[in-house]
Amino acid sequence: MDSLQEQIYFMQKEHDRCKLVYNFLLREFGQKHIHHFDKEISEKIDFSRAIVKSLQNLQSIRNEKDH
């Protein structure tokens, strides 16, 4: 299994990619025309952000136990 830091890095990249896709669609098609994708992409952004936050919390807990 990947280290916790690698998992955080991977999920952060996934989160950033989702935001890039959303912003690209928004620029290209406008808010009115991306409503089909808006919910799915927004949920993916929120989900990846929550995973990153959880992994960071886990990392903090592990670091506190090590000290």
Protein backbone atom coordinates (compact mmCIF):
# COMPACT_ATOMS: atom_id res chain seq x y z
CA MET A 1 0.00 0.00 0.00
CA ASP A 2 1.16 3.50 -0.74
CA SER A 3 2.33 5.67 2.09
CA LEU A 4 -0.15 8.06 3.59
CA GLN A 5 1.66 11.02 2.06
CA GLU A 6 1.47 9.42 -1.40
CA GLN A 7 -2.26 8.85 -0.95
CA ILE A 8 -2.74 12.48 0.06
CA TYR A 9 -0.73 13.63 -2.96
CA PHE A 10 -2.74 11.40 -5.33
CA MET A 11 -6.10 12.56 -3.98
CA GLN A 12 -5.02 16.20 -4.04
CA LYS A 13 -4.08 15.80 -7.72
CA GLU A 14 -7.47 14.18 -8.38
CA HIS A 15 -9.19 17.08 -6.63
CA ASP A 16 -7.19 19.61 -8.65
CA ARG A 17 -8.01 17.81 -11.92
CA CYS A 18 -11.72 17.88 -11.11
CA LYS A 19 -11.56 21.61 -10.47
CA LEU A 20 -9.70 22.14 -13.76
CA VAL A 21 -12.35 20.20 -15.68
CA TYR A 22 -15.13 22.12 -14.01
CA ASN A 23 -13.51 25.48 -14.71
CA PHE A 24 -12.81 24.49 -18.32
CA LEU A 25 -16.43 23.45 -18.89
CA LEU A 26 -17.64 26.61 -17.23
CA ARG A 27 -15.44 28.77 -19.49
CA GLU A 28 -16.29 26.86 -22.66
CA PHE A 29 -20.02 26.38 -22.21
CA GLY A 30 -21.13 28.74 -19.46
CA GLN A 31 -23.11 27.99 -16.33
CA LYS A 32 -26.36 27.55 -18.21
CA HIS A 33 -25.02 24.78 -20.43
CA ILE A 34 -23.03 22.69 -17.96
CA HIS A 35 -25.91 21.88 -15.63
CA HIS A 36 -25.80 18.22 -16.72
CA PHE A 37 -22.20 17.92 -15.54
CA ASP A 38 -22.34 20.39 -12.66
CA LYS A 39 -23.75 18.05 -10.03
CA GLU A 40 -21.47 15.14 -10.88
CA ILE A 41 -18.30 17.22 -11.02
CA SER A 42 -19.22 19.20 -7.90
CA GLU A 43 -19.82 15.97 -5.99
CA LYS A 44 -16.48 14.58 -7.17
CA ILE A 45 -14.72 17.80 -6.08
CA ASP A 46 -16.38 17.67 -2.66
CA PHE A 47 -15.68 13.96 -2.28
CA SER A 48 -11.99 14.27 -3.17
CA ARG A 49 -11.64 17.29 -0.85
CA ALA A 50 -13.19 15.27 2.00
CA ILE A 51 -10.82 12.35 1.37
CA VAL A 52 -7.79 14.66 1.36
CA LYS A 53 -8.95 16.24 4.62
CA SER A 54 -9.51 12.82 6.23
CA LEU A 55 -6.10 11.58 5.13
CA GLN A 56 -4.46 14.74 6.47
CA ASN A 57 -6.27 14.27 9.80
CA LEU A 58 -5.07 10.67 9.93
CA GLN A 59 -1.54 11.82 9.19
CA SER A 60 -1.75 14.37 12.02
CA ILE A 61 -2.96 11.70 14.44
CA ARG A 62 -0.13 9.39 13.42
CA ASN A 63 2.41 12.19 13.80
CA GLU A 64 1.10 13.01 17.29
CA LYS A 65 1.43 9.35 18.33
CA ASP A 66 5.00 9.25 17.04
CA HIS A 67 6.02 12.19 19.22
